Amino acid sequence: MYEWIKALHVIAVISWMAAMLYLPRLFVYHCEAGKGSPQSETFKIMERRLLRFISNPAMAVTWLTGLWLVYAGAFHKAGWFIGKFLLVMVMSAAHGLFAKWAREFAEDRNTRPARFYRIANEVPTLLMIAIVVLVIVKPF
């Protein structure tokens, strides 16, 4: 059973990261669309669906399977796991921020420039790299 849960965890992580990397990119393009324009309305639909049907469920499955794996593998005291857990919490906070920004776009209340979202787009990438290194290399 452990290997099946682990496989589901990896699939969920891949799905979550795909959404986390794509959503800020949508925000960049959304900034360039005029408020109320057909493009802006399309971006609102894309952002909402990405969150509702991919990002939120993938994050939930990632957390549920991850917690099960920690329990089954008794990793909770390992240094690499504690670092990973903290970074996953930061990734979850980023997810929450992205959802907040999507709501702001949906309500035509965005005030940030495209450059802000280009920089925000790098956060999930850097977190993902650090998490993968901790899980695979287990440096401590």
N, C-alpha and C. Protein backbone atom coordinates (compact mmCIF):
# COMPACT_ATOMS: atom_id res chain seq x y z
N MET A 1 0.81 -1.20 0.00
CA MET A 1 0.00 0.00 0.00
C MET A 1 0.86 1.27 0.00
N TYR A 2 1.99 1.21 0.68
CA TYR A 2 2.87 2.38 0.80
C TYR A 2 3.28 2.90 -0.57
N GLU A 3 3.69 2.01 -1.47
CA GLU A 3 4.16 2.44 -2.79
C GLU A 3 3.04 3.08 -3.61
N TRP A 4 1.80 2.59 -3.48
CA TRP A 4 0.66 3.17 -4.18
C TRP A 4 0.36 4.59 -3.66
N ILE A 5 0.43 4.76 -2.36
CA ILE A 5 0.19 6.08 -1.77
C ILE A 5 1.31 7.03 -2.19
N LYS A 6 2.52 6.52 -2.22
CA LYS A 6 3.66 7.33 -2.64
C LYS A 6 3.50 7.77 -4.11
N ALA A 7 3.05 6.86 -4.96
CA ALA A 7 2.81 7.20 -6.37
C ALA A 7 1.73 8.26 -6.48
N LEU A 8 0.65 8.10 -5.74
CA LEU A 8 -0.42 9.10 -5.75
C LEU A 8 0.11 10.46 -5.25
N HIS A 9 0.96 10.42 -4.25
CA HIS A 9 1.56 11.65 -3.72
C HIS A 9 2.38 12.36 -4.81
N VAL A 10 3.20 11.62 -5.52
CA VAL A 10 4.03 12.21 -6.57
C VAL A 10 3.15 12.79 -7.68
N ILE A 11 2.11 12.08 -8.07
CA ILE A 11 1.18 12.58 -9.10
C ILE A 11 0.52 13.87 -8.63
N ALA A 12 0.09 13.90 -7.38
CA ALA A 12 -0.55 15.11 -6.84
C ALA A 12 0.43 16.27 -6.78
N VAL A 13 1.66 16.00 -6.38
CA VAL A 13 2.68 17.06 -6.32
C VAL A 13 2.93 17.63 -7.71
N ILE A 14 3.06 16.76 -8.70
CA ILE A 14 3.29 17.23 -10.08
C ILE A 14 2.12 18.12 -10.53
N SER A 15 0.91 17.70 -10.25
CA SER A 15 -0.27 18.48 -10.63
C SER A 15 -0.31 19.82 -9.91
N TRP A 16 -0.01 19.79 -8.62
CA TRP A 16 0.00 21.03 -7.83
C TRP A 16 1.06 21.99 -8.35
N MET A 17 2.26 21.47 -8.61
CA MET A 17 3.33 22.35 -9.09
C MET A 17 3.02 22.90 -10.47
N ALA A 18 2.41 22.10 -11.33
CA ALA A 18 2.03 22.62 -12.65
C ALA A 18 1.10 23.82 -12.49
N ALA A 19 0.13 23.70 -11.60
CA ALA A 19 -0.80 24.81 -11.37
C ALA A 19 -0.10 26.00 -10.72
N MET A 20 0.79 25.73 -9.78
CA MET A 20 1.50 26.81 -9.08
C MET A 20 2.45 27.56 -10.02
N LEU A 21 2.93 26.88 -11.04
CA LEU A 21 3.81 27.54 -12.00
C LEU A 21 3.02 28.28 -13.08
N TYR A 22 1.82 27.81 -13.37
CA TYR A 22 1.02 28.39 -14.44
C TYR A 22 0.19 29.60 -13.98
N LEU A 23 -0.32 29.54 -12.75
CA LEU A 23 -1.22 30.60 -12.28
C LEU A 23 -0.57 31.99 -12.29
N PRO A 24 0.64 32.15 -11.75
CA PRO A 24 1.25 33.49 -11.82
C PRO A 24 1.52 33.95 -13.25
N ARG A 25 1.78 32.99 -14.14
CA ARG A 25 1.98 33.33 -15.55
C ARG A 25 0.67 33.87 -16.14
N LEU A 26 -0.45 33.26 -15.75
CA LEU A 26 -1.75 33.80 -16.18
C LEU A 26 -1.94 35.22 -15.66
N PHE A 27 -1.50 35.47 -14.43
CA PHE A 27 -1.61 36.81 -13.87
C PHE A 27 -0.82 37.83 -14.70
N VAL A 28 0.36 37.43 -15.17
CA VAL A 28 1.17 38.32 -16.00
C VAL A 28 0.37 38.73 -17.23
N TYR A 29 -0.20 37.75 -17.91
CA TYR A 29 -0.98 38.05 -19.12
C TYR A 29 -2.26 38.81 -18.78
N HIS A 30 -2.85 38.49 -17.63
CA HIS A 30 -4.09 39.16 -17.22
C HIS A 30 -3.83 40.65 -17.01
N CYS A 31 -2.66 40.99 -16.48
CA CYS A 31 -2.31 42.41 -16.28
C CYS A 31 -2.34 43.19 -17.60
N GLU A 32 -2.00 42.51 -18.67
CA GLU A 32 -1.92 43.17 -19.96
C GLU A 32 -3.28 43.32 -20.63
N ALA A 33 -4.30 42.63 -20.12
CA ALA A 33 -5.65 42.72 -20.68
C ALA A 33 -6.41 43.84 -19.97
N GLY A 34 -7.13 44.62 -20.71
CA GLY A 34 -7.91 45.70 -20.12
C GLY A 34 -9.04 45.17 -19.26
N LYS A 35 -9.30 45.85 -18.15
CA LYS A 35 -10.41 45.45 -17.26
C LYS A 35 -11.72 45.43 -18.05
N GLY A 36 -12.45 44.33 -17.89
CA GLY A 36 -13.73 44.19 -18.58
C GLY A 36 -13.63 43.72 -20.02
N SER A 37 -12.40 43.59 -20.53
CA SER A 37 -12.22 43.14 -21.91
C SER A 37 -12.54 41.65 -22.02
N PRO A 38 -12.83 41.17 -23.22
CA PRO A 38 -13.07 39.73 -23.39
C PRO A 38 -11.88 38.89 -22.92
N GLN A 39 -10.65 39.38 -23.15
CA GLN A 39 -9.46 38.65 -22.69
C GLN A 39 -9.42 38.56 -21.18
N SER A 40 -9.74 39.66 -20.52
CA SER A 40 -9.74 39.67 -19.06
C SER A 40 -10.76 38.69 -18.51
N GLU A 41 -11.92 38.66 -19.11
CA GLU A 41 -12.97 37.73 -18.66
C GLU A 41 -12.55 36.28 -18.89
N THR A 42 -11.84 36.02 -19.98
CA THR A 42 -11.33 34.67 -20.24
C THR A 42 -10.29 34.28 -19.21
N PHE A 43 -9.38 35.21 -18.87
CA PHE A 43 -8.38 34.92 -17.85
C PHE A 43 -9.03 34.63 -16.50
N LYS A 44 -10.08 35.35 -16.16
CA LYS A 44 -10.79 35.09 -14.91
C LYS A 44 -11.31 33.66 -14.85
N ILE A 45 -11.89 33.21 -15.95
CA ILE A 45 -12.40 31.83 -16.02
C ILE A 45 -11.24 30.84 -15.89
N MET A 46 -10.17 31.07 -16.62
CA MET A 46 -9.01 30.17 -16.58
C MET A 46 -8.43 30.09 -15.17
N GLU A 47 -8.27 31.24 -14.52
CA GLU A 47 -7.69 31.27 -13.17
C GLU A 47 -8.59 30.54 -12.18
N ARG A 48 -9.88 30.81 -12.26
CA ARG A 48 -10.83 30.17 -11.33
C ARG A 48 -10.84 28.65 -11.52
N ARG A 49 -10.89 28.20 -12.76
CA ARG A 49 -10.92 26.76 -13.04
C ARG A 49 -9.61 26.09 -12.65
N LEU A 50 -8.49 26.74 -12.90
CA LEU A 50 -7.20 26.18 -12.52
C LEU A 50 -7.14 25.97 -11.01
N LEU A 51 -7.60 26.94 -10.26
CA LEU A 51 -7.62 26.81 -8.80
C LEU A 51 -8.61 25.74 -8.35
N ARG A 52 -9.83 25.82 -8.82
CA ARG A 52 -10.91 24.96 -8.35
C ARG A 52 -10.74 23.50 -8.74
N PHE A 53 -10.30 23.26 -9.96
CA PHE A 53 -10.30 21.88 -10.46
C PHE A 53 -8.93 21.20 -10.49
N ILE A 54 -7.86 21.97 -10.37
CA ILE A 54 -6.52 21.36 -10.39
C ILE A 54 -5.75 21.69 -9.12
N SER A 55 -5.51 22.96 -8.88
CA SER A 55 -4.62 23.37 -7.80
C SER A 55 -5.14 22.98 -6.41
N ASN A 56 -6.36 23.35 -6.10
CA ASN A 56 -6.90 23.03 -4.76
C ASN A 56 -6.98 21.52 -4.51
N PRO A 57 -7.57 20.73 -5.42
CA PRO A 57 -7.60 19.29 -5.17
C PRO A 57 -6.20 18.66 -5.10
N ALA A 58 -5.30 19.12 -5.97
CA ALA A 58 -3.95 18.55 -5.97
C ALA A 58 -3.23 18.87 -4.66
N MET A 59 -3.40 20.08 -4.15
CA MET A 59 -2.79 20.42 -2.87
C MET A 59 -3.37 19.55 -1.76
N ALA A 60 -4.67 19.36 -1.76
CA ALA A 60 -5.31 18.54 -0.72
C ALA A 60 -4.80 17.10 -0.77
N VAL A 61 -4.71 16.53 -1.95
CA VAL A 61 -4.22 15.15 -2.07
C VAL A 61 -2.74 15.08 -1.70
N THR A 62 -1.97 16.09 -2.07
CA THR A 62 -0.56 16.14 -1.68
C THR A 62 -0.43 16.10 -0.17
N TRP A 63 -1.19 16.94 0.52
CA TRP A 63 -1.13 16.99 1.98
C TRP A 63 -1.60 15.68 2.61
N LEU A 64 -2.72 15.15 2.15
CA LEU A 64 -3.26 13.92 2.75
C LEU A 64 -2.32 12.73 2.56
N THR A 65 -1.85 12.54 1.35
CA THR A 65 -0.95 11.41 1.10
C THR A 65 0.40 11.65 1.77
N GLY A 66 0.87 12.89 1.78
CA GLY A 66 2.14 13.20 2.43
C GLY A 66 2.10 12.91 3.92
N LEU A 67 1.03 13.32 4.56
CA LEU A 67 0.90 13.05 6.00
C LEU A 67 0.82 11.54 6.27
N TRP A 68 0.12 10.81 5.39
CA TRP A 68 0.05 9.36 5.55
C TRP A 68 1.45 8.75 5.41
N LEU A 69 2.21 9.21 4.42
CA LEU A 69 3.57 8.69 4.20
C LEU A 69 4.48 8.98 5.39
N VAL A 70 4.34 10.16 5.96
CA VAL A 70 5.15 10.51 7.14
C VAL A 70 4.82 9.59 8.30
N TYR A 71 3.54 9.36 8.50
CA TYR A 71 3.11 8.46 9.57
C TYR A 71 3.61 7.04 9.32
N ALA A 72 3.40 6.55 8.11
CA ALA A 72 3.79 5.17 7.79
C ALA A 72 5.31 4.99 7.82
N GLY A 73 6.05 6.00 7.41
CA GLY A 73 7.51 5.90 7.36
C GLY A 73 8.21 6.42 8.59
N ALA A 74 7.46 6.99 9.52
CA ALA A 74 8.02 7.56 10.76
C ALA A 74 9.16 8.54 10.47
N PHE A 75 8.91 9.45 9.53
CA PHE A 75 9.92 10.43 9.15
C PHE A 75 9.87 11.70 9.98
N HIS A 76 8.90 11.84 10.85
CA HIS A 76 8.63 13.11 11.50
C HIS A 76 9.80 13.70 12.30
N LYS A 77 10.78 12.90 12.67
CA LYS A 77 11.93 13.42 13.42
C LYS A 77 13.17 13.64 12.56
N ALA A 78 13.11 13.25 11.31
CA ALA A 78 14.26 13.39 10.42
C ALA A 78 14.46 14.86 10.05
N GLY A 79 15.70 15.31 10.07
CA GLY A 79 16.01 16.70 9.76
C GLY A 79 15.55 17.11 8.38
N TRP A 80 15.79 16.25 7.38
CA TRP A 80 15.38 16.58 6.02
C TRP A 80 13.86 16.75 5.94
N PHE A 81 13.13 15.92 6.69
CA PHE A 81 11.67 16.02 6.65
C PHE A 81 11.19 17.32 7.29
N ILE A 82 11.80 17.71 8.39
CA ILE A 82 11.39 18.94 9.06
C ILE A 82 11.59 20.13 8.11
N GLY A 83 12.73 20.15 7.42
CA GLY A 83 12.98 21.20 6.42
C GLY A 83 11.97 21.15 5.30
N LYS A 84 11.69 19.96 4.81
CA LYS A 84 10.70 19.80 3.74
C LYS A 84 9.33 20.27 4.20
N PHE A 85 8.95 19.88 5.40
CA PHE A 85 7.64 20.24 5.93
C PHE A 85 7.49 21.77 6.01
N LEU A 86 8.52 22.43 6.47
CA LEU A 86 8.48 23.89 6.55
C LEU A 86 8.34 24.53 5.16
N LEU A 87 9.07 23.98 4.20
CA LEU A 87 8.99 24.52 2.83
C LEU A 87 7.62 24.24 2.21
N VAL A 88 7.03 23.08 2.51
CA VAL A 88 5.69 22.78 1.99
C VAL A 88 4.67 23.72 2.63
N MET A 89 4.89 24.09 3.87
CA MET A 89 4.00 25.08 4.49
C MET A 89 4.13 26.44 3.78
N VAL A 90 5.34 26.81 3.42
CA VAL A 90 5.55 28.06 2.67
C VAL A 90 4.88 27.95 1.30
N MET A 91 5.00 26.78 0.65
CA MET A 91 4.35 26.57 -0.65
C MET A 91 2.83 26.70 -0.49
N SER A 92 2.29 26.18 0.59
CA SER A 92 0.86 26.27 0.85
C SER A 92 0.44 27.72 1.07
N ALA A 93 1.29 28.49 1.75
CA ALA A 93 1.02 29.92 1.94
C ALA A 93 1.03 30.64 0.59
N ALA A 94 1.98 30.28 -0.27
CA ALA A 94 2.02 30.86 -1.62
C ALA A 94 0.74 30.52 -2.38
N HIS A 95 0.28 29.29 -2.23
CA HIS A 95 -0.97 28.87 -2.84
C HIS A 95 -2.11 29.78 -2.37
N GLY A 96 -2.16 30.03 -1.08
CA GLY A 96 -3.18 30.92 -0.53
C GLY A 96 -3.09 32.33 -1.10
N LEU A 97 -1.87 32.83 -1.24
CA LEU A 97 -1.67 34.16 -1.83
C LEU A 97 -2.14 34.19 -3.28
N PHE A 98 -1.80 33.14 -4.02
CA PHE A 98 -2.22 33.07 -5.43
C PHE A 98 -3.74 33.07 -5.53
N ALA A 99 -4.40 32.34 -4.63
CA ALA A 99 -5.87 32.31 -4.62
C ALA A 99 -6.42 33.71 -4.31
N LYS A 100 -5.79 34.39 -3.38
CA LYS A 100 -6.21 35.76 -3.04
C LYS A 100 -6.05 36.69 -4.25
N TRP A 101 -4.93 36.57 -4.94
CA TRP A 101 -4.70 37.41 -6.11
C TRP A 101 -5.70 37.09 -7.22
N ALA A 102 -6.04 35.81 -7.38
CA ALA A 102 -7.04 35.44 -8.39
C ALA A 102 -8.38 36.09 -8.06
N ARG A 103 -8.73 36.13 -6.77
CA ARG A 103 -9.98 36.81 -6.36
C ARG A 103 -9.91 38.29 -6.69
N GLU A 104 -8.75 38.91 -6.46
CA GLU A 104 -8.60 40.33 -6.78
C GLU A 104 -8.79 40.57 -8.28
N PHE A 105 -8.21 39.71 -9.10
CA PHE A 105 -8.41 39.83 -10.55
C PHE A 105 -9.89 39.63 -10.89
N ALA A 106 -10.53 38.65 -10.27
CA ALA A 106 -11.94 38.36 -10.55
C ALA A 106 -12.83 39.55 -10.24
N GLU A 107 -12.41 40.32 -9.24
CA GLU A 107 -13.18 41.51 -8.83
C GLU A 107 -12.64 42.80 -9.46
N ASP A 108 -11.74 42.65 -10.44
CA ASP A 108 -11.10 43.80 -11.11
C ASP A 108 -10.44 44.74 -10.12
N ARG A 109 -9.78 44.17 -9.09
CA ARG A 109 -9.11 44.98 -8.06
C ARG A 109 -7.59 44.83 -8.08
N ASN A 110 -7.04 44.22 -9.11
CA ASN A 110 -5.59 44.07 -9.14
C ASN A 110 -4.92 45.43 -9.31
N THR A 111 -3.88 45.68 -8.51
CA THR A 111 -3.13 46.93 -8.61
C THR A 111 -1.65 46.69 -8.89
N ARG A 112 -1.26 45.41 -8.97
CA ARG A 112 0.16 45.09 -9.16
C ARG A 112 0.50 45.00 -10.65
N PRO A 113 1.74 45.36 -10.99
CA PRO A 113 2.17 45.26 -12.39
C PRO A 113 2.55 43.82 -12.76
N ALA A 114 2.66 43.58 -14.03
CA ALA A 114 3.03 42.25 -14.54
C ALA A 114 4.38 41.80 -13.97
N ARG A 115 5.30 42.73 -13.81
CA ARG A 115 6.64 42.39 -13.27
C ARG A 115 6.54 41.73 -11.90
N PHE A 116 5.62 42.18 -11.06
CA PHE A 116 5.41 41.59 -9.74
C PHE A 116 5.09 40.10 -9.87
N TYR A 117 4.21 39.77 -10.80
CA TYR A 117 3.81 38.37 -10.98
C TYR A 117 4.91 37.54 -11.65
N ARG A 118 5.74 38.18 -12.46
CA ARG A 118 6.89 37.46 -13.04
C ARG A 118 7.84 37.02 -11.92
N ILE A 119 8.04 37.90 -10.95
CA ILE A 119 8.90 37.56 -9.81
C ILE A 119 8.22 36.51 -8.93
N ALA A 120 6.93 36.69 -8.67
CA ALA A 120 6.18 35.72 -7.86
C ALA A 120 6.20 34.34 -8.49
N ASN A 121 6.28 34.29 -9.80
CA ASN A 121 6.32 33.02 -10.52
C ASN A 121 7.55 32.19 -10.18
N GLU A 122 8.59 32.83 -9.70
CA GLU A 122 9.83 32.11 -9.37
C GLU A 122 9.76 31.45 -8.00
N VAL A 123 8.89 31.91 -7.13
CA VAL A 123 8.81 31.38 -5.76
C VAL A 123 8.51 29.88 -5.75
N PRO A 124 7.47 29.40 -6.44
CA PRO A 124 7.22 27.95 -6.43
C PRO A 124 8.38 27.14 -7.02
N THR A 125 9.04 27.70 -8.01
CA THR A 125 10.19 26.99 -8.62
C THR A 125 11.30 26.80 -7.60
N LEU A 126 11.65 27.86 -6.89
CA LEU A 126 12.73 27.77 -5.90
C LEU A 126 12.35 26.84 -4.75
N LEU A 127 11.11 26.93 -4.30
CA LEU A 127 10.64 26.03 -3.23
C LEU A 127 10.67 24.58 -3.69
N MET A 128 10.21 24.33 -4.91
CA MET A 128 10.19 22.98 -5.45
C MET A 128 11.61 22.39 -5.51
N ILE A 129 12.55 23.18 -5.98
CA ILE A 129 13.94 22.70 -6.06
C ILE A 129 14.45 22.33 -4.68
N ALA A 130 14.24 23.19 -3.71
CA ALA A 130 14.71 22.91 -2.35
C ALA A 130 14.03 21.68 -1.76
N ILE A 131 12.74 21.53 -1.99
CA ILE A 131 12.01 20.36 -1.47
C ILE A 131 12.53 19.08 -2.09
N VAL A 132 12.71 19.07 -3.39
CA VAL A 132 13.20 17.86 -4.07
C VAL A 132 14.60 17.50 -3.58
N VAL A 133 15.46 18.49 -3.41
CA VAL A 133 16.81 18.21 -2.90
C VAL A 133 16.73 17.60 -1.50
N LEU A 134 15.89 18.14 -0.65
CA LEU A 134 15.76 17.60 0.71
C LEU A 134 15.27 16.15 0.69
N VAL A 135 14.30 15.86 -0.17
CA VAL A 135 13.73 14.51 -0.21
C VAL A 135 14.70 13.50 -0.83
N ILE A 136 15.38 13.89 -1.87
CA ILE A 136 16.25 12.93 -2.59
C ILE A 136 17.63 12.83 -1.94
N VAL A 137 18.24 13.96 -1.65
CA VAL A 137 19.61 13.97 -1.12
C VAL A 137 19.65 13.72 0.37
N LYS A 138 18.61 14.19 1.08
CA LYS A 138 18.54 14.08 2.54
C LYS A 138 19.85 14.56 3.19
N PRO A 139 20.19 15.85 2.97
CA PRO A 139 21.47 16.36 3.44
C PRO A 139 21.63 16.41 4.95
N PHE A 140 20.55 16.31 5.68
CA PHE A 140 20.65 16.28 7.15
C PHE A 140 19.45 15.55 7.72
